[in-house]
Amino acid sequence: MSSALNFAVGALLGGLVLSAAWGLLWLVVGAIGLWRRTCSWRVVANSVVIAVVPLLLAWALLSVPDKVTPNLVFVAGLLVMPFVLAGLALRPVSGEHRAGASMLRGIGLLINDLLGRHQACGGCDHDHGPDVTGGTA
């Protein structure tokens, strides 16, 4: 296999693994939310699809006989997508914030919403009304 094709396969595989890891993260969050009854089955089902489809595509890509040779060029290709993601995360957005920091804040808010954490009482996990701050009612 040529070096360019080996690099391209590595880059594609790196992106697929990154996508599968993202799906597995949301699968864990969704499963905890489902167990707590703060989110629906739809979150878990979407997370399974987001995790399984890239893994199946990666498996299909690696199952091509004698086409993928794991060498230095292939490994360099694997690192392309994480470096692209890191570069995009360092990009400045409105104000003096970076895109990655804004995305992490948004992810944190979504996780808190899916897990049913309260914002008024400092993020406790207790089941109490919105008028009670801290502790359980």
N, C-alpha and C. Protein backbone atom coordinates (compact mmCIF):
# COMPACT_ATOMS: atom_id res chain seq x y z
N MET A 1 0.85 -1.17 0.00
CA MET A 1 0.00 0.00 0.00
C MET A 1 0.90 1.24 0.00
N SER A 2 0.53 2.23 -0.76
CA SER A 2 1.35 3.43 -0.83
C SER A 2 1.28 4.21 0.48
N SER A 3 2.26 5.06 0.69
CA SER A 3 2.32 5.84 1.93
C SER A 3 1.14 6.79 2.05
N ALA A 4 0.74 7.42 0.94
CA ALA A 4 -0.39 8.36 0.99
C ALA A 4 -1.68 7.65 1.35
N LEU A 5 -1.89 6.48 0.79
CA LEU A 5 -3.11 5.72 1.10
C LEU A 5 -3.06 5.21 2.54
N ASN A 6 -1.89 4.79 2.99
CA ASN A 6 -1.75 4.34 4.37
C ASN A 6 -2.04 5.49 5.34
N PHE A 7 -1.57 6.70 5.02
CA PHE A 7 -1.82 7.88 5.85
C PHE A 7 -3.32 8.21 5.86
N ALA A 8 -3.96 8.14 4.70
CA ALA A 8 -5.39 8.44 4.59
C ALA A 8 -6.23 7.44 5.39
N VAL A 9 -5.87 6.17 5.32
CA VAL A 9 -6.60 5.16 6.09
C VAL A 9 -6.41 5.40 7.58
N GLY A 10 -5.20 5.78 7.99
CA GLY A 10 -4.95 6.10 9.40
C GLY A 10 -5.77 7.29 9.86
N ALA A 11 -5.84 8.33 9.02
CA ALA A 11 -6.62 9.52 9.38
C ALA A 11 -8.10 9.19 9.49
N LEU A 12 -8.59 8.40 8.55
CA LEU A 12 -10.01 8.01 8.59
C LEU A 12 -10.29 7.16 9.83
N LEU A 13 -9.41 6.25 10.13
CA LEU A 13 -9.58 5.39 11.30
C LEU A 13 -9.51 6.21 12.59
N GLY A 14 -8.61 7.21 12.63
CA GLY A 14 -8.53 8.07 13.81
C GLY A 14 -9.82 8.84 14.03
N GLY A 15 -10.43 9.33 12.96
CA GLY A 15 -11.70 10.03 13.08
C GLY A 15 -12.82 9.12 13.54
N LEU A 16 -12.84 7.90 13.02
CA LEU A 16 -13.88 6.95 13.42
C LEU A 16 -13.76 6.57 14.89
N VAL A 17 -12.55 6.37 15.35
CA VAL A 17 -12.36 6.02 16.77
C VAL A 17 -12.73 7.20 17.66
N LEU A 18 -12.41 8.41 17.24
CA LEU A 18 -12.79 9.60 18.00
C LEU A 18 -14.32 9.72 18.08
N SER A 19 -15.00 9.45 16.98
CA SER A 19 -16.45 9.50 16.95
C SER A 19 -17.06 8.42 17.85
N ALA A 20 -16.49 7.24 17.82
CA ALA A 20 -16.98 6.15 18.67
C ALA A 20 -16.79 6.48 20.15
N ALA A 21 -15.67 7.10 20.49
CA ALA A 21 -15.42 7.49 21.89
C ALA A 21 -16.44 8.53 22.34
N TRP A 22 -16.81 9.44 21.45
CA TRP A 22 -17.83 10.45 21.75
C TRP A 22 -19.18 9.76 22.03
N GLY A 23 -19.52 8.79 21.21
CA GLY A 23 -20.76 8.04 21.41
C GLY A 23 -20.75 7.26 22.72
N LEU A 24 -19.61 6.68 23.08
CA LEU A 24 -19.53 5.93 24.33
C LEU A 24 -19.66 6.85 25.55
N LEU A 25 -19.09 8.06 25.45
CA LEU A 25 -19.26 9.03 26.54
C LEU A 25 -20.74 9.31 26.77
N TRP A 26 -21.48 9.60 25.69
CA TRP A 26 -22.90 9.92 25.83
C TRP A 26 -23.73 8.69 26.17
N LEU A 27 -23.24 7.50 25.82
CA LEU A 27 -23.92 6.28 26.23
C LEU A 27 -23.88 6.13 27.74
N VAL A 28 -22.73 6.40 28.34
CA VAL A 28 -22.61 6.33 29.80
C VAL A 28 -23.50 7.38 30.46
N VAL A 29 -23.44 8.62 29.96
CA VAL A 29 -24.27 9.69 30.54
C VAL A 29 -25.75 9.36 30.37
N GLY A 30 -26.13 8.88 29.19
CA GLY A 30 -27.53 8.53 28.94
C GLY A 30 -28.00 7.37 29.80
N ALA A 31 -27.13 6.38 30.00
CA ALA A 31 -27.51 5.23 30.83
C ALA A 31 -27.72 5.65 32.28
N ILE A 32 -26.86 6.53 32.77
CA ILE A 32 -27.04 7.03 34.14
C ILE A 32 -28.32 7.86 34.23
N GLY A 33 -28.56 8.70 33.23
CA GLY A 33 -29.79 9.50 33.21
C GLY A 33 -31.03 8.64 33.11
N LEU A 34 -30.96 7.57 32.33
CA LEU A 34 -32.09 6.65 32.22
C LEU A 34 -32.34 5.94 33.55
N TRP A 35 -31.27 5.55 34.22
CA TRP A 35 -31.38 4.89 35.51
C TRP A 35 -32.00 5.84 36.55
N ARG A 36 -31.64 7.12 36.47
CA ARG A 36 -32.20 8.12 37.38
C ARG A 36 -33.57 8.63 36.93
N ARG A 37 -34.01 8.21 35.76
CA ARG A 37 -35.27 8.64 35.15
C ARG A 37 -35.29 10.14 34.84
N THR A 38 -34.13 10.66 34.40
CA THR A 38 -34.07 12.08 34.04
C THR A 38 -33.91 12.27 32.54
N CYS A 39 -33.77 11.18 31.79
CA CYS A 39 -33.76 11.28 30.33
C CYS A 39 -34.44 10.04 29.75
N SER A 40 -34.66 10.07 28.46
CA SER A 40 -35.44 9.00 27.83
C SER A 40 -34.54 7.96 27.16
N TRP A 41 -35.19 6.91 26.67
CA TRP A 41 -34.50 5.86 25.93
C TRP A 41 -33.88 6.40 24.65
N ARG A 42 -34.44 7.48 24.13
CA ARG A 42 -33.95 8.04 22.87
C ARG A 42 -32.49 8.49 22.98
N VAL A 43 -32.12 9.05 24.12
CA VAL A 43 -30.73 9.48 24.34
C VAL A 43 -29.81 8.27 24.30
N VAL A 44 -30.20 7.20 24.96
CA VAL A 44 -29.39 5.98 24.99
C VAL A 44 -29.31 5.35 23.60
N ALA A 45 -30.44 5.29 22.89
CA ALA A 45 -30.45 4.69 21.55
C ALA A 45 -29.57 5.49 20.58
N ASN A 46 -29.66 6.81 20.63
CA ASN A 46 -28.81 7.63 19.75
C ASN A 46 -27.34 7.44 20.09
N SER A 47 -27.01 7.33 21.37
CA SER A 47 -25.63 7.13 21.78
C SER A 47 -25.09 5.79 21.30
N VAL A 48 -25.93 4.76 21.34
CA VAL A 48 -25.50 3.44 20.85
C VAL A 48 -25.19 3.52 19.36
N VAL A 49 -26.05 4.18 18.61
CA VAL A 49 -25.82 4.32 17.16
C VAL A 49 -24.54 5.09 16.90
N ILE A 50 -24.33 6.19 17.65
CA ILE A 50 -23.14 7.02 17.45
C ILE A 50 -21.87 6.26 17.82
N ALA A 51 -21.96 5.30 18.73
CA ALA A 51 -20.79 4.51 19.11
C ALA A 51 -20.58 3.32 18.19
N VAL A 52 -21.65 2.64 17.79
CA VAL A 52 -21.52 1.39 17.05
C VAL A 52 -21.19 1.59 15.57
N VAL A 53 -21.84 2.55 14.92
CA VAL A 53 -21.63 2.73 13.48
C VAL A 53 -20.16 3.04 13.16
N PRO A 54 -19.49 3.97 13.85
CA PRO A 54 -18.07 4.19 13.54
C PRO A 54 -17.20 2.97 13.84
N LEU A 55 -17.54 2.22 14.89
CA LEU A 55 -16.76 1.01 15.18
C LEU A 55 -16.93 -0.04 14.08
N LEU A 56 -18.15 -0.17 13.56
CA LEU A 56 -18.36 -1.10 12.45
C LEU A 56 -17.61 -0.66 11.19
N LEU A 57 -17.62 0.64 10.92
CA LEU A 57 -16.88 1.15 9.77
C LEU A 57 -15.37 0.96 9.95
N ALA A 58 -14.88 1.17 11.16
CA ALA A 58 -13.45 0.95 11.44
C ALA A 58 -13.10 -0.53 11.27
N TRP A 59 -13.97 -1.40 11.76
CA TRP A 59 -13.73 -2.83 11.60
C TRP A 59 -13.71 -3.22 10.11
N ALA A 60 -14.64 -2.68 9.34
CA ALA A 60 -14.67 -2.96 7.90
C ALA A 60 -13.41 -2.44 7.22
N LEU A 61 -12.94 -1.29 7.64
CA LEU A 61 -11.74 -0.71 7.06
C LEU A 61 -10.51 -1.56 7.38
N LEU A 62 -10.45 -2.07 8.60
CA LEU A 62 -9.30 -2.89 9.00
C LEU A 62 -9.38 -4.32 8.51
N SER A 63 -10.56 -4.76 8.10
CA SER A 63 -10.70 -6.15 7.68
C SER A 63 -10.32 -6.37 6.22
N VAL A 64 -9.97 -5.31 5.51
CA VAL A 64 -9.50 -5.47 4.13
C VAL A 64 -8.15 -6.17 4.20
N PRO A 65 -8.05 -7.38 3.64
CA PRO A 65 -6.84 -8.17 3.81
C PRO A 65 -5.63 -7.56 3.11
N ASP A 66 -4.52 -7.52 3.82
CA ASP A 66 -3.22 -7.09 3.30
C ASP A 66 -3.22 -5.68 2.74
N LYS A 67 -4.14 -4.84 3.15
CA LYS A 67 -4.16 -3.48 2.62
C LYS A 67 -3.65 -2.46 3.63
N VAL A 68 -3.87 -2.70 4.91
CA VAL A 68 -3.45 -1.75 5.94
C VAL A 68 -2.22 -2.31 6.63
N THR A 69 -1.13 -1.57 6.54
CA THR A 69 0.09 -1.98 7.22
C THR A 69 0.39 -0.94 8.30
N PRO A 70 0.31 -1.32 9.56
CA PRO A 70 0.55 -0.35 10.63
C PRO A 70 2.03 0.03 10.70
N ASN A 71 2.39 1.11 10.07
CA ASN A 71 3.75 1.63 10.12
C ASN A 71 3.71 3.06 10.62
N LEU A 72 4.82 3.76 10.54
CA LEU A 72 4.91 5.12 11.06
C LEU A 72 3.97 6.08 10.33
N VAL A 73 3.80 5.90 9.04
CA VAL A 73 2.91 6.76 8.26
C VAL A 73 1.46 6.53 8.70
N PHE A 74 1.07 5.29 8.93
CA PHE A 74 -0.28 4.96 9.40
C PHE A 74 -0.54 5.60 10.76
N VAL A 75 0.43 5.49 11.68
CA VAL A 75 0.28 6.06 13.02
C VAL A 75 0.19 7.59 12.94
N ALA A 76 0.96 8.19 12.05
CA ALA A 76 0.86 9.65 11.87
C ALA A 76 -0.55 10.02 11.38
N GLY A 77 -1.11 9.20 10.53
CA GLY A 77 -2.48 9.43 10.07
C GLY A 77 -3.49 9.31 11.19
N LEU A 78 -3.26 8.36 12.11
CA LEU A 78 -4.16 8.20 13.26
C LEU A 78 -4.22 9.47 14.11
N LEU A 79 -3.12 10.21 14.16
CA LEU A 79 -3.04 11.39 15.02
C LEU A 79 -3.60 12.64 14.37
N VAL A 80 -3.98 12.57 13.10
CA VAL A 80 -4.45 13.77 12.40
C VAL A 80 -5.72 14.32 13.03
N MET A 81 -6.74 13.51 13.20
CA MET A 81 -8.02 14.01 13.70
C MET A 81 -7.94 14.55 15.13
N PRO A 82 -7.24 13.89 16.07
CA PRO A 82 -7.10 14.51 17.39
C PRO A 82 -6.39 15.87 17.33
N PHE A 83 -5.39 16.01 16.46
CA PHE A 83 -4.71 17.30 16.32
C PHE A 83 -5.61 18.35 15.68
N VAL A 84 -6.42 17.95 14.71
CA VAL A 84 -7.37 18.88 14.10
C VAL A 84 -8.38 19.34 15.15
N LEU A 85 -8.87 18.42 15.97
CA LEU A 85 -9.82 18.77 17.02
C LEU A 85 -9.18 19.70 18.04
N ALA A 86 -7.93 19.43 18.42
CA ALA A 86 -7.23 20.32 19.37
C ALA A 86 -7.03 21.70 18.76
N GLY A 87 -6.69 21.76 17.48
CA GLY A 87 -6.53 23.05 16.82
C GLY A 87 -7.82 23.84 16.77
N LEU A 88 -8.92 23.17 16.50
CA LEU A 88 -10.22 23.86 16.50
C LEU A 88 -10.61 24.30 17.90
N ALA A 89 -10.23 23.54 18.91
CA ALA A 89 -10.56 23.89 20.29
C ALA A 89 -9.80 25.14 20.73
N LEU A 90 -8.62 25.37 20.18
CA LEU A 90 -7.82 26.54 20.55
C LEU A 90 -8.22 27.80 19.80
N ARG A 91 -9.11 27.68 18.85
CA ARG A 91 -9.56 28.82 18.06
C ARG A 91 -10.34 29.79 18.94
N PRO A 92 -10.02 31.08 18.85
CA PRO A 92 -10.76 32.05 19.67
C PRO A 92 -12.18 32.28 19.13
N VAL A 93 -13.11 32.46 20.05
CA VAL A 93 -14.48 32.80 19.69
C VAL A 93 -14.82 34.12 20.37
N SER A 94 -16.06 34.47 20.49
CA SER A 94 -16.48 35.76 21.03
C SER A 94 -15.81 36.06 22.37
N GLY A 95 -15.41 37.29 22.52
CA GLY A 95 -14.73 37.69 23.75
C GLY A 95 -13.31 37.14 23.76
N GLU A 96 -12.87 36.73 24.91
CA GLU A 96 -11.53 36.16 25.03
C GLU A 96 -11.58 34.67 25.30
N HIS A 97 -12.66 34.03 24.94
CA HIS A 97 -12.82 32.60 25.18
C HIS A 97 -12.30 31.79 24.00
N ARG A 98 -11.95 30.57 24.27
CA ARG A 98 -11.56 29.62 23.24
C ARG A 98 -12.75 28.73 22.94
N ALA A 99 -12.79 28.20 21.74
CA ALA A 99 -13.92 27.36 21.32
C ALA A 99 -14.01 26.10 22.19
N GLY A 100 -12.88 25.52 22.54
CA GLY A 100 -12.89 24.32 23.37
C GLY A 100 -13.47 24.56 24.75
N ALA A 101 -13.15 25.72 25.36
CA ALA A 101 -13.69 26.03 26.68
C ALA A 101 -15.20 26.24 26.61
N SER A 102 -15.66 26.90 25.56
CA SER A 102 -17.11 27.10 25.40
C SER A 102 -17.81 25.76 25.19
N MET A 103 -17.19 24.88 24.42
CA MET A 103 -17.80 23.57 24.18
C MET A 103 -17.84 22.75 25.46
N LEU A 104 -16.78 22.81 26.25
CA LEU A 104 -16.77 22.06 27.51
C LEU A 104 -17.84 22.57 28.48
N ARG A 105 -18.05 23.89 28.52
CA ARG A 105 -19.13 24.43 29.35
C ARG A 105 -20.49 23.93 28.87
N GLY A 106 -20.68 23.92 27.56
CA GLY A 106 -21.94 23.44 27.01
C GLY A 106 -22.16 21.96 27.29
N ILE A 107 -21.10 21.17 27.17
CA ILE A 107 -21.19 19.74 27.48
C ILE A 107 -21.55 19.55 28.95
N GLY A 108 -20.92 20.34 29.82
CA GLY A 108 -21.23 20.25 31.25
C GLY A 108 -22.68 20.57 31.54
N LEU A 109 -23.21 21.61 30.89
CA LEU A 109 -24.63 21.96 31.08
C LEU A 109 -25.55 20.86 30.58
N LEU A 110 -25.21 20.26 29.44
CA LEU A 110 -26.03 19.18 28.90
C LEU A 110 -26.00 17.95 29.81
N ILE A 111 -24.82 17.62 30.31
CA ILE A 111 -24.71 16.48 31.23
C ILE A 111 -25.53 16.76 32.49
N ASN A 112 -25.43 17.97 33.03
CA ASN A 112 -26.23 18.31 34.22
C ASN A 112 -27.72 18.21 33.94
N ASP A 113 -28.13 18.63 32.76
CA ASP A 113 -29.55 18.55 32.39
C ASP A 113 -29.99 17.09 32.26
N LEU A 114 -29.18 16.27 31.59
CA LEU A 114 -29.55 14.86 31.40
C LEU A 114 -29.53 14.07 32.70
N LEU A 115 -28.66 14.47 33.63
CA LEU A 115 -28.59 13.75 34.90
C LEU A 115 -29.50 14.34 35.97
N GLY A 116 -30.21 15.43 35.63
CA GLY A 116 -31.20 15.99 36.54
C GLY A 116 -30.61 16.74 37.71
N ARG A 117 -29.44 17.34 37.56
CA ARG A 117 -28.86 18.12 38.65
C ARG A 117 -29.57 19.46 38.75
N HIS A 118 -29.72 19.93 39.96
CA HIS A 118 -30.37 21.22 40.21
C HIS A 118 -29.34 22.33 40.13
N GLN A 119 -29.71 23.44 39.53
CA GLN A 119 -28.80 24.57 39.44
C GLN A 119 -28.99 25.55 40.60
N ALA A 120 -30.20 25.65 41.14
CA ALA A 120 -30.48 26.63 42.20
C ALA A 120 -29.80 26.27 43.51
N CYS A 121 -29.57 24.99 43.76
CA CYS A 121 -29.01 24.58 45.05
C CYS A 121 -27.56 24.17 44.94
N GLY A 122 -26.90 24.56 43.89
CA GLY A 122 -25.48 24.25 43.76
C GLY A 122 -25.21 22.94 43.06
N GLY A 123 -26.18 22.34 42.42
CA GLY A 123 -25.96 21.12 41.66
C GLY A 123 -26.07 19.84 42.44
N CYS A 124 -26.86 19.84 43.51
CA CYS A 124 -27.01 18.60 44.27
C CYS A 124 -27.82 17.59 43.45
N ASP A 125 -27.78 16.35 43.87
CA ASP A 125 -28.49 15.30 43.15
C ASP A 125 -29.74 14.86 43.88
N HIS A 126 -30.20 15.64 44.87
CA HIS A 126 -31.36 15.25 45.64
C HIS A 126 -32.64 15.61 44.92
N ASP A 127 -33.68 14.88 45.23
CA ASP A 127 -34.98 15.10 44.60
C ASP A 127 -35.82 16.00 45.48
N HIS A 128 -35.65 17.32 45.32
CA HIS A 128 -36.45 18.26 46.08
C HIS A 128 -36.95 19.36 45.16
N GLY A 129 -37.91 20.10 45.65
CA GLY A 129 -38.53 21.14 44.84
C GLY A 129 -37.59 22.31 44.58
N PRO A 130 -37.95 23.15 43.62
CA PRO A 130 -37.09 24.27 43.28
C PRO A 130 -37.05 25.38 44.35
N ASP A 131 -38.04 25.39 45.27
CA ASP A 131 -38.07 26.43 46.29
C ASP A 131 -37.20 26.09 47.48
N VAL A 132 -36.73 24.85 47.60
CA VAL A 132 -35.88 24.45 48.71
C VAL A 132 -34.44 24.48 48.24
N THR A 133 -33.58 25.20 48.97
CA THR A 133 -32.17 25.27 48.57
C THR A 133 -31.36 24.37 49.49
N GLY A 134 -30.66 23.41 48.88
CA GLY A 134 -29.83 22.48 49.63
C GLY A 134 -30.65 21.51 50.46
N GLY A 135 -30.19 20.30 50.59
CA GLY A 135 -30.91 19.30 51.38
C GLY A 135 -32.14 18.77 50.67
N THR A 136 -32.85 17.88 51.33
CA THR A 136 -34.03 17.27 50.74
C THR A 136 -35.27 17.79 51.44
N ALA A 137 -36.36 17.82 50.72
CA ALA A 137 -37.62 18.27 51.31
C ALA A 137 -38.40 17.10 51.84
